[in-house]
Amino acid sequence: MVMFAVDLSRARWRKSSRSDTGSGGNCVEVAFAATVTAVRDSKEPHGPKLIFTAAQWRQFLTTTQRGDLD
């Protein structure tokens, strides 16, 4: 695992259109910053974030679109 610092202080977070906003749970937000994509739980905006490189993000999207994580 490689650890590196990413400045997300100016990131514009967007809530997933598939988030379960009706019951107040399962909300995911994503931000695109410079060379990475960040994902966080909208209920904990100051909590931990998952950081993906461009290649990792593409692989994640491909994997989820195929239903491999269902």
PDB file of N, CA and C in Angstrom:
ATOM      1  N   MET A   1       0.845  -1.171   0.000  1.00  0.00           N
ATOM      2  CA  MET A   1       0.000   0.000   0.000  1.00  0.00           C
ATOM      3  C   MET A   1       0.892   1.236   0.000  1.00  0.00           C
ATOM      4  N   VAL A   2       0.540   2.190  -0.843  1.00  0.00           N
ATOM      5  CA  VAL A   2       1.281   3.437  -0.924  1.00  0.00           C
ATOM      6  C   VAL A   2       0.472   4.522  -0.232  1.00  0.00           C
ATOM      7  N   MET A   3       1.104   5.255   0.651  1.00  0.00           N
ATOM      8  CA  MET A   3       0.438   6.344   1.356  1.00  0.00           C
ATOM      9  C   MET A   3       0.961   7.663   0.819  1.00  0.00           C
ATOM     10  N   PHE A   4       0.054   8.591   0.546  1.00  0.00           N
ATOM     11  CA  PHE A   4       0.467   9.910   0.114  1.00  0.00           C
ATOM     12  C   PHE A   4      -0.591  10.922   0.545  1.00  0.00           C
ATOM     13  N   ALA A   5      -0.163  12.164   0.698  1.00  0.00           N
ATOM     14  CA  ALA A   5      -1.076  13.211   1.131  1.00  0.00           C
ATOM     15  C   ALA A   5      -1.773  13.822  -0.076  1.00  0.00           C
ATOM     16  N   VAL A   6      -3.060  14.049   0.056  1.00  0.00           N
ATOM     17  CA  VAL A   6      -3.858  14.672  -0.987  1.00  0.00           C
ATOM     18  C   VAL A   6      -4.613  15.836  -0.353  1.00  0.00           C
ATOM     19  N   ASP A   7      -4.504  17.005  -0.939  1.00  0.00           N
ATOM     20  CA  ASP A   7      -5.210  18.176  -0.436  1.00  0.00           C
ATOM     21  C   ASP A   7      -6.619  18.200  -1.031  1.00  0.00           C
ATOM     22  N   LEU A   8      -7.597  17.937  -0.194  1.00  0.00           N
ATOM     23  CA  LEU A   8      -8.994  17.930  -0.631  1.00  0.00           C
ATOM     24  C   LEU A   8      -9.760  19.132  -0.075  1.00  0.00           C
ATOM     25  N   SER A   9      -9.035  20.112   0.452  1.00  0.00           N
ATOM     26  CA  SER A   9      -9.686  21.260   1.086  1.00  0.00           C
ATOM     27  C   SER A   9     -10.537  22.071   0.113  1.00  0.00           C
ATOM     28  N   ARG A  10     -10.212  22.050  -1.163  1.00  0.00           N
ATOM     29  CA  ARG A  10     -10.983  22.800  -2.154  1.00  0.00           C
ATOM     30  C   ARG A  10     -11.803  21.888  -3.077  1.00  0.00           C
ATOM     31  N   ALA A  11     -11.863  20.634  -2.715  1.00  0.00           N
ATOM     32  CA  ALA A  11     -12.598  19.668  -3.537  1.00  0.00           C
ATOM     33  C   ALA A  11     -14.088  19.982  -3.512  1.00  0.00           C
ATOM     34  N   ARG A  12     -14.732  19.771  -4.645  1.00  0.00           N
ATOM     35  CA  ARG A  12     -16.184  19.944  -4.751  1.00  0.00           C
ATOM     36  C   ARG A  12     -16.817  18.559  -4.695  1.00  0.00           C
ATOM     37  N   TRP A  13     -17.453  18.261  -3.592  1.00  0.00           N
ATOM     38  CA  TRP A  13     -18.049  16.952  -3.369  1.00  0.00           C
ATOM     39  C   TRP A  13     -19.439  16.897  -3.985  1.00  0.00           C
ATOM     40  N   ARG A  14     -19.721  15.765  -4.630  1.00  0.00           N
ATOM     41  CA  ARG A  14     -21.034  15.531  -5.241  1.00  0.00           C
ATOM     42  C   ARG A  14     -21.606  14.240  -4.696  1.00  0.00           C
ATOM     43  N   LYS A  15     -22.880  14.283  -4.367  1.00  0.00           N
ATOM     44  CA  LYS A  15     -23.553  13.095  -3.835  1.00  0.00           C
ATOM     45  C   LYS A  15     -23.958  12.192  -4.990  1.00  0.00           C
ATOM     46  N   SER A  16     -23.799  10.911  -4.803  1.00  0.00           N
ATOM     47  CA  SER A  16     -24.187   9.937  -5.811  1.00  0.00           C
ATOM     48  C   SER A  16     -25.685  10.000  -6.071  1.00  0.00           C
ATOM     49  N   SER A  17     -26.062   9.906  -7.340  1.00  0.00           N
ATOM     50  CA  SER A  17     -27.486   9.883  -7.677  1.00  0.00           C
ATOM     51  C   SER A  17     -28.145   8.597  -7.188  1.00  0.00           C
ATOM     52  N   ARG A  18     -27.369   7.617  -6.833  1.00  0.00           N
ATOM     53  CA  ARG A  18     -27.905   6.337  -6.340  1.00  0.00           C
ATOM     54  C   ARG A  18     -27.928   6.259  -4.824  1.00  0.00           C
ATOM     55  N   SER A  19     -27.562   7.350  -4.157  1.00  0.00           N
ATOM     56  CA  SER A  19     -27.568   7.349  -2.697  1.00  0.00           C
ATOM     57  C   SER A  19     -28.989   7.215  -2.178  1.00  0.00           C
ATOM     58  N   ASP A  20     -29.110   6.574  -1.041  1.00  0.00           N
ATOM     59  CA  ASP A  20     -30.406   6.365  -0.399  1.00  0.00           C
ATOM     60  C   ASP A  20     -30.718   7.582   0.460  1.00  0.00           C
ATOM     61  N   THR A  21     -31.146   8.674  -0.164  1.00  0.00           N
ATOM     62  CA  THR A  21     -31.403   9.911   0.569  1.00  0.00           C
ATOM     63  C   THR A  21     -32.722   9.891   1.314  1.00  0.00           C
ATOM     64  N   GLY A  22     -33.637   9.042   0.924  1.00  0.00           N
ATOM     65  CA  GLY A  22     -34.949   8.996   1.560  1.00  0.00           C
ATOM     66  C   GLY A  22     -34.919   8.572   3.015  1.00  0.00           C
ATOM     67  N   SER A  23     -34.062   7.633   3.360  1.00  0.00           N
ATOM     68  CA  SER A  23     -34.021   7.148   4.736  1.00  0.00           C
ATOM     69  C   SER A  23     -32.834   7.689   5.521  1.00  0.00           C
ATOM     70  N   GLY A  24     -32.035   8.566   4.903  1.00  0.00           N
ATOM     71  CA  GLY A  24     -30.921   9.178   5.613  1.00  0.00           C
ATOM     72  C   GLY A  24     -29.692   8.302   5.728  1.00  0.00           C
ATOM     73  N   GLY A  25     -29.626   7.212   5.007  1.00  0.00           N
ATOM     74  CA  GLY A  25     -28.464   6.339   5.097  1.00  0.00           C
ATOM     75  C   GLY A  25     -27.840   6.077   3.750  1.00  0.00           C
ATOM     76  N   ASN A  26     -26.750   5.380   3.744  1.00  0.00           N
ATOM     77  CA  ASN A  26     -26.069   4.940   2.523  1.00  0.00           C
ATOM     78  C   ASN A  26     -25.799   6.066   1.525  1.00  0.00           C
ATOM     79  N   CYS A  27     -25.282   7.180   1.990  1.00  0.00           N
ATOM     80  CA  CYS A  27     -24.985   8.304   1.105  1.00  0.00           C
ATOM     81  C   CYS A  27     -23.486   8.359   0.822  1.00  0.00           C
ATOM     82  N   VAL A  28     -23.162   8.360  -0.439  1.00  0.00           N
ATOM     83  CA  VAL A  28     -21.768   8.410  -0.867  1.00  0.00           C
ATOM     84  C   VAL A  28     -21.549   9.680  -1.651  1.00  0.00           C
ATOM     85  N   GLU A  29     -20.415  10.341  -1.406  1.00  0.00           N
ATOM     86  CA  GLU A  29     -20.045  11.529  -2.159  1.00  0.00           C
ATOM     87  C   GLU A  29     -18.705  11.285  -2.840  1.00  0.00           C
ATOM     88  N   VAL A  30     -18.520  11.930  -3.985  1.00  0.00           N
ATOM     89  CA  VAL A  30     -17.287  11.763  -4.748  1.00  0.00           C
ATOM     90  C   VAL A  30     -16.760  13.142  -5.119  1.00  0.00           C
ATOM     91  N   ALA A  31     -15.425  13.264  -5.165  1.00  0.00           N
ATOM     92  CA  ALA A  31     -14.785  14.505  -5.593  1.00  0.00           C
ATOM     93  C   ALA A  31     -13.623  14.149  -6.506  1.00  0.00           C
ATOM     94  N   PHE A  32     -13.475  14.934  -7.548  1.00  0.00           N
ATOM     95  CA  PHE A  32     -12.363  14.751  -8.484  1.00  0.00           C
ATOM     96  C   PHE A  32     -11.364  15.870  -8.225  1.00  0.00           C
ATOM     97  N   ALA A  33     -10.143  15.519  -7.870  1.00  0.00           N
ATOM     98  CA  ALA A  33      -9.118  16.508  -7.538  1.00  0.00           C
ATOM     99  C   ALA A  33      -7.825  16.153  -8.264  1.00  0.00           C
ATOM    100  N   ALA A  34      -7.327  17.092  -9.048  1.00  0.00           N
ATOM    101  CA  ALA A  34      -6.054  16.939  -9.764  1.00  0.00           C
ATOM    102  C   ALA A  34      -5.939  15.550 -10.407  1.00  0.00           C
ATOM    103  N   THR A  35      -5.216  14.666  -9.777  1.00  0.00           N
ATOM    104  CA  THR A  35      -4.939  13.352 -10.373  1.00  0.00           C
ATOM    105  C   THR A  35      -5.621  12.201  -9.650  1.00  0.00           C
ATOM    106  N   VAL A  36      -6.523  12.509  -8.704  1.00  0.00           N
ATOM    107  CA  VAL A  36      -7.169  11.443  -7.933  1.00  0.00           C
ATOM    108  C   VAL A  36      -8.679  11.659  -7.875  1.00  0.00           C
ATOM    109  N   THR A  37      -9.375  10.596  -7.487  1.00  0.00           N
ATOM    110  CA  THR A  37     -10.802  10.647  -7.184  1.00  0.00           C
ATOM    111  C   THR A  37     -10.942  10.232  -5.732  1.00  0.00           C
ATOM    112  N   ALA A  38     -11.715  10.997  -4.973  1.00  0.00           N
ATOM    113  CA  ALA A  38     -11.914  10.702  -3.554  1.00  0.00           C
ATOM    114  C   ALA A  38     -13.374  10.351  -3.317  1.00  0.00           C
ATOM    115  N   VAL A  39     -13.608   9.446  -2.375  1.00  0.00           N
ATOM    116  CA  VAL A  39     -14.954   9.006  -2.024  1.00  0.00           C
ATOM    117  C   VAL A  39     -15.080   9.077  -0.505  1.00  0.00           C
ATOM    118  N   ARG A  40     -16.229   9.563  -0.040  1.00  0.00           N
ATOM    119  CA  ARG A  40     -16.451   9.648   1.412  1.00  0.00           C
ATOM    120  C   ARG A  40     -17.909   9.357   1.738  1.00  0.00           C
ATOM    121  N   ASP A  41     -18.162   9.088   3.003  1.00  0.00           N
ATOM    122  CA  ASP A  41     -19.510   8.912   3.540  1.00  0.00           C
ATOM    123  C   ASP A  41     -20.039  10.308   3.840  1.00  0.00           C
ATOM    124  N   SER A  42     -21.168  10.685   3.247  1.00  0.00           N
ATOM    125  CA  SER A  42     -21.677  12.045   3.426  1.00  0.00           C
ATOM    126  C   SER A  42     -22.076  12.343   4.873  1.00  0.00           C
ATOM    127  N   LYS A  43     -22.343  11.319   5.655  1.00  0.00           N
ATOM    128  CA  LYS A  43     -22.695  11.532   7.057  1.00  0.00           C
ATOM    129  C   LYS A  43     -21.474  11.886   7.897  1.00  0.00           C
ATOM    130  N   GLU A  44     -20.267  11.617   7.371  1.00  0.00           N
ATOM    131  CA  GLU A  44     -19.016  11.914   8.066  1.00  0.00           C
ATOM    132  C   GLU A  44     -18.079  12.678   7.132  1.00  0.00           C
ATOM    133  N   PRO A  45     -18.406  13.932   6.779  1.00  0.00           N
ATOM    134  CA  PRO A  45     -17.595  14.661   5.808  1.00  0.00           C
ATOM    135  C   PRO A  45     -16.151  14.886   6.255  1.00  0.00           C
ATOM    136  N   HIS A  46     -15.901  14.874   7.552  1.00  0.00           N
ATOM    137  CA  HIS A  46     -14.525  15.056   8.035  1.00  0.00           C
ATOM    138  C   HIS A  46     -13.862  13.723   8.380  1.00  0.00           C
ATOM    139  N   GLY A  47     -14.567  12.643   8.094  1.00  0.00           N
ATOM    140  CA  GLY A  47     -14.047  11.316   8.379  1.00  0.00           C
ATOM    141  C   GLY A  47     -13.104  10.827   7.289  1.00  0.00           C
ATOM    142  N   PRO A  48     -12.801   9.549   7.282  1.00  0.00           N
ATOM    143  CA  PRO A  48     -11.869   8.993   6.307  1.00  0.00           C
ATOM    144  C   PRO A  48     -12.410   9.053   4.882  1.00  0.00           C
ATOM    145  N   LYS A  49     -11.497   9.098   3.943  1.00  0.00           N
ATOM    146  CA  LYS A  49     -11.827   9.103   2.524  1.00  0.00           C
ATOM    147  C   LYS A  49     -11.056   8.006   1.819  1.00  0.00           C
ATOM    148  N   LEU A  50     -11.671   7.438   0.803  1.00  0.00           N
ATOM    149  CA  LEU A  50     -10.974   6.503  -0.071  1.00  0.00           C
ATOM    150  C   LEU A  50     -10.411   7.315  -1.228  1.00  0.00           C
ATOM    151  N   ILE A  51      -9.141   7.094  -1.550  1.00  0.00           N
ATOM    152  CA  ILE A  51      -8.478   7.829  -2.625  1.00  0.00           C
ATOM    153  C   ILE A  51      -8.114   6.845  -3.729  1.00  0.00           C
ATOM    154  N   PHE A  52      -8.526   7.164  -4.963  1.00  0.00           N
ATOM    155  CA  PHE A  52      -8.260   6.318  -6.121  1.00  0.00           C
ATOM    156  C   PHE A  52      -7.431   7.087  -7.150  1.00  0.00           C
ATOM    157  N   THR A  53      -6.461   6.432  -7.750  1.00  0.00           N
ATOM    158  CA  THR A  53      -5.810   7.006  -8.927  1.00  0.00           C
ATOM    159  C   THR A  53      -6.794   6.888 -10.086  1.00  0.00           C
ATOM    160  N   ALA A  54      -6.492   7.526 -11.199  1.00  0.00           N
ATOM    161  CA  ALA A  54      -7.394   7.460 -12.364  1.00  0.00           C
ATOM    162  C   ALA A  54      -7.592   6.012 -12.816  1.00  0.00           C
ATOM    163  N   ALA A  55      -6.524   5.238 -12.863  1.00  0.00           N
ATOM    164  CA  ALA A  55      -6.616   3.828 -13.290  1.00  0.00           C
ATOM    165  C   ALA A  55      -7.434   3.012 -12.288  1.00  0.00           C
ATOM    166  N   GLN A  56      -7.221   3.236 -11.015  1.00  0.00           N
ATOM    167  CA  GLN A  56      -7.981   2.516  -9.998  1.00  0.00           C
ATOM    168  C   GLN A  56      -9.463   2.866 -10.059  1.00  0.00           C
ATOM    169  N   TRP A  57      -9.792   4.134 -10.291  1.00  0.00           N
ATOM    170  CA  TRP A  57     -11.186   4.567 -10.388  1.00  0.00           C
ATOM    171  C   TRP A  57     -11.873   3.922 -11.588  1.00  0.00           C
ATOM    172  N   ARG A  58     -11.183   3.899 -12.737  1.00  0.00           N
ATOM    173  CA  ARG A  58     -11.753   3.248 -13.923  1.00  0.00           C
ATOM    174  C   ARG A  58     -12.019   1.769 -13.649  1.00  0.00           C
ATOM    175  N   GLN A  59     -11.077   1.108 -12.989  1.00  0.00           N
ATOM    176  CA  GLN A  59     -11.249  -0.316 -12.667  1.00  0.00           C
ATOM    177  C   GLN A  59     -12.409  -0.515 -11.696  1.00  0.00           C
ATOM    178  N   PHE A  60     -12.527   0.356 -10.707  1.00  0.00           N
ATOM    179  CA  PHE A  60     -13.637   0.281  -9.758  1.00  0.00           C
ATOM    180  C   PHE A  60     -14.977   0.438 -10.489  1.00  0.00           C
ATOM    181  N   LEU A  61     -15.079   1.432 -11.365  1.00  0.00           N
ATOM    182  CA  LEU A  61     -16.322   1.634 -12.122  1.00  0.00           C
ATOM    183  C   LEU A  61     -16.644   0.447 -13.006  1.00  0.00           C
ATOM    184  N   THR A  62     -15.653  -0.076 -13.690  1.00  0.00           N
ATOM    185  CA  THR A  62     -15.854  -1.245 -14.548  1.00  0.00           C
ATOM    186  C   THR A  62     -16.348  -2.433 -13.728  1.00  0.00           C
ATOM    187  N   THR A  63     -15.724  -2.660 -12.595  1.00  0.00           N
ATOM    188  CA  THR A  63     -16.075  -3.789 -11.720  1.00  0.00           C
ATOM    189  C   THR A  63     -17.501  -3.659 -11.207  1.00  0.00           C
ATOM    190  N   THR A  64     -17.880  -2.457 -10.762  1.00  0.00           N
ATOM    191  CA  THR A  64     -19.232  -2.282 -10.238  1.00  0.00           C
ATOM    192  C   THR A  64     -20.279  -2.334 -11.341  1.00  0.00           C
ATOM    193  N   GLN A  65     -19.977  -1.794 -12.512  1.00  0.00           N
ATOM    194  CA  GLN A  65     -20.933  -1.830 -13.620  1.00  0.00           C
ATOM    195  C   GLN A  65     -21.200  -3.245 -14.103  1.00  0.00           C
ATOM    196  N   ARG A  66     -20.197  -4.116 -14.005  1.00  0.00           N
ATOM    197  CA  ARG A  66     -20.375  -5.526 -14.371  1.00  0.00           C
ATOM    198  C   ARG A  66     -21.157  -6.277 -13.305  1.00  0.00           C
ATOM    199  N   GLY A  67     -21.287  -5.702 -12.125  1.00  0.00           N
ATOM    200  CA  GLY A  67     -22.003  -6.372 -11.048  1.00  0.00           C
ATOM    201  C   GLY A  67     -21.132  -7.324 -10.251  1.00  0.00           C
ATOM    202  N   ASP A  68     -19.816  -7.199 -10.394  1.00  0.00           N
ATOM    203  CA  ASP A  68     -18.906  -8.110  -9.704  1.00  0.00           C
ATOM    204  C   ASP A  68     -18.914  -7.946  -8.181  1.00  0.00           C
ATOM    205  N   LEU A  69     -19.430  -6.838  -7.682  1.00  0.00           N
ATOM    206  CA  LEU A  69     -19.443  -6.605  -6.241  1.00  0.00           C
ATOM    207  C   LEU A  69     -20.821  -6.806  -5.619  1.00  0.00           C
ATOM    208  N   ASP A  70     -21.781  -7.244  -6.434  1.00  0.00           N
ATOM    209  CA  ASP A  70     -23.143  -7.469  -5.930  1.00  0.00           C
ATOM    210  C   ASP A  70     -23.203  -8.670  -5.007  1.00  0.00           C
TER     211      ASP A  70
END
